[in-house]
Amino acid sequence: MPAAIVLINSEIGKETDILNELCKMPEVEKAFLVYGVYDVVARVRAEDMEALENCVTTKLRKLKGIRSTLTLIVSKECK
């Protein structure tokens, strides 16, 4: 199952709203409110690459309050 880490920049004050919406998505394994260059980080997993792409482009990136995203496709993982 392919996975991705999505780094999210939000509009000011929308971080918690975005985090709450991400937690409702079945494809989102974990989501974090963070400090630094990005505001929210999400780990997303789907059945195949097409479903992963669909989740990121049509669900996640269209959430209200998201200014930009950077998606990192996982190539290998442990634990």
C-alpha atoms as a PDB file:
ATOM      1  CA  MET A   1       0.000   0.000   0.000  1.00  0.00           C
ATOM      2  CA  PRO A   2       1.564   3.293  -1.038  1.00  0.00           C
ATOM      3  CA  ALA A   3       1.942   6.074   1.502  1.00  0.00           C
ATOM      4  CA  ALA A   4       2.839   9.742   1.518  1.00  0.00           C
ATOM      5  CA  ILE A   5       3.761  12.444   3.976  1.00  0.00           C
ATOM      6  CA  VAL A   6       1.955  15.705   3.212  1.00  0.00           C
ATOM      7  CA  LEU A   7       3.369  18.970   4.551  1.00  0.00           C
ATOM      8  CA  ILE A   8       0.696  21.664   4.747  1.00  0.00           C
ATOM      9  CA  ASN A   9       0.788  25.454   4.946  1.00  0.00           C
ATOM     10  CA  SER A  10      -2.467  26.883   6.223  1.00  0.00           C
ATOM     11  CA  GLU A  11      -4.111  30.242   6.396  1.00  0.00           C
ATOM     12  CA  ILE A  12      -3.508  31.921   9.747  1.00  0.00           C
ATOM     13  CA  GLY A  13      -5.853  30.512  12.393  1.00  0.00           C
ATOM     14  CA  LYS A  14      -7.042  27.543  10.287  1.00  0.00           C
ATOM     15  CA  GLU A  15      -4.519  24.988  11.536  1.00  0.00           C
ATOM     16  CA  THR A  16      -6.811  23.261  14.040  1.00  0.00           C
ATOM     17  CA  ASP A  17      -9.737  23.182  11.601  1.00  0.00           C
ATOM     18  CA  ILE A  18      -7.541  21.487   9.006  1.00  0.00           C
ATOM     19  CA  LEU A  19      -6.216  18.997  11.564  1.00  0.00           C
ATOM     20  CA  ASN A  20      -9.775  18.104  12.601  1.00  0.00           C
ATOM     21  CA  GLU A  21     -10.866  17.591   8.983  1.00  0.00           C
ATOM     22  CA  LEU A  22      -7.832  15.417   8.244  1.00  0.00           C
ATOM     23  CA  CYS A  23      -8.635  13.198  11.226  1.00  0.00           C
ATOM     24  CA  LYS A  24     -12.022  12.421   9.642  1.00  0.00           C
ATOM     25  CA  MET A  25     -10.444  11.049   6.442  1.00  0.00           C
ATOM     26  CA  PRO A  26      -9.977   7.267   6.431  1.00  0.00           C
ATOM     27  CA  GLU A  27      -6.812   7.554   4.304  1.00  0.00           C
ATOM     28  CA  VAL A  28      -5.076   9.735   6.906  1.00  0.00           C
ATOM     29  CA  GLU A  29      -3.215   7.467   9.332  1.00  0.00           C
ATOM     30  CA  LYS A  30      -1.883  10.299  11.485  1.00  0.00           C
ATOM     31  CA  ALA A  31      -1.909  14.071  11.419  1.00  0.00           C
ATOM     32  CA  PHE A  32       0.109  16.523  13.475  1.00  0.00           C
ATOM     33  CA  LEU A  33      -0.078  20.227  14.258  1.00  0.00           C
ATOM     34  CA  VAL A  34       3.540  21.416  14.078  1.00  0.00           C
ATOM     35  CA  TYR A  35       5.609  24.574  14.482  1.00  0.00           C
ATOM     36  CA  GLY A  36       8.033  25.737  11.843  1.00  0.00           C
ATOM     37  CA  VAL A  37       7.865  26.227   8.088  1.00  0.00           C
ATOM     38  CA  TYR A  38       4.758  24.014   7.849  1.00  0.00           C
ATOM     39  CA  ASP A  39       1.644  24.098  10.024  1.00  0.00           C
ATOM     40  CA  VAL A  40       0.227  20.576   9.684  1.00  0.00           C
ATOM     41  CA  VAL A  41       1.797  17.246   8.669  1.00  0.00           C
ATOM     42  CA  ALA A  42      -0.266  14.235   7.597  1.00  0.00           C
ATOM     43  CA  ARG A  43       0.639  10.627   6.862  1.00  0.00           C
ATOM     44  CA  VAL A  44      -1.660   9.258   4.158  1.00  0.00           C
ATOM     45  CA  ARG A  45      -2.030   5.664   2.928  1.00  0.00           C
ATOM     46  CA  ALA A  46      -4.215   4.214   0.151  1.00  0.00           C
ATOM     47  CA  GLU A  47      -4.805   0.917  -1.646  1.00  0.00           C
ATOM     48  CA  ASP A  48      -2.840   1.956  -4.755  1.00  0.00           C
ATOM     49  CA  MET A  49      -1.079   4.966  -6.262  1.00  0.00           C
ATOM     50  CA  GLU A  50      -4.201   6.119  -8.088  1.00  0.00           C
ATOM     51  CA  ALA A  51      -6.201   6.176  -4.851  1.00  0.00           C
ATOM     52  CA  LEU A  52      -3.341   7.950  -3.074  1.00  0.00           C
ATOM     53  CA  GLU A  53      -3.153  10.593  -5.788  1.00  0.00           C
ATOM     54  CA  ASN A  54      -6.922  11.019  -5.694  1.00  0.00           C
ATOM     55  CA  CYS A  55      -6.897  11.456  -1.923  1.00  0.00           C
ATOM     56  CA  VAL A  56      -4.173  14.102  -1.994  1.00  0.00           C
ATOM     57  CA  THR A  57      -5.385  16.047  -5.023  1.00  0.00           C
ATOM     58  CA  THR A  58      -9.162  15.902  -4.699  1.00  0.00           C
ATOM     59  CA  LYS A  59      -9.749  15.520  -0.961  1.00  0.00           C
ATOM     60  CA  LEU A  60      -6.859  16.810   1.085  1.00  0.00           C
ATOM     61  CA  ARG A  61      -5.614  19.742  -1.019  1.00  0.00           C
ATOM     62  CA  LYS A  62      -9.137  21.126  -1.400  1.00  0.00           C
ATOM     63  CA  LEU A  63      -9.776  21.501   2.335  1.00  0.00           C
ATOM     64  CA  LYS A  64     -10.767  25.028   3.259  1.00  0.00           C
ATOM     65  CA  GLY A  65      -7.886  26.990   4.754  1.00  0.00           C
ATOM     66  CA  ILE A  66      -5.013  25.181   3.010  1.00  0.00           C
ATOM     67  CA  ARG A  67      -2.645  27.574   1.215  1.00  0.00           C
ATOM     68  CA  SER A  68      -0.152  25.031  -0.136  1.00  0.00           C
ATOM     69  CA  THR A  69       1.093  21.471   0.247  1.00  0.00           C
ATOM     70  CA  LEU A  70       4.262  19.506  -0.375  1.00  0.00           C
ATOM     71  CA  THR A  71       3.764  15.771  -0.864  1.00  0.00           C
ATOM     72  CA  LEU A  72       6.553  13.277  -0.175  1.00  0.00           C
ATOM     73  CA  ILE A  73       5.900   9.767  -1.544  1.00  0.00           C
ATOM     74  CA  VAL A  74       7.286   7.101   0.807  1.00  0.00           C
ATOM     75  CA  SER A  75       9.711   4.747  -0.963  1.00  0.00           C
ATOM     76  CA  LYS A  76      10.726   2.546   1.993  1.00  0.00           C
ATOM     77  CA  GLU A  77       9.863   2.375   5.677  1.00  0.00           C
ATOM     78  CA  CYS A  78      10.658   0.473   8.850  1.00  0.00           C
ATOM     79  CA  LYS A  79       8.658  -0.191  12.026  1.00  0.00           C
END
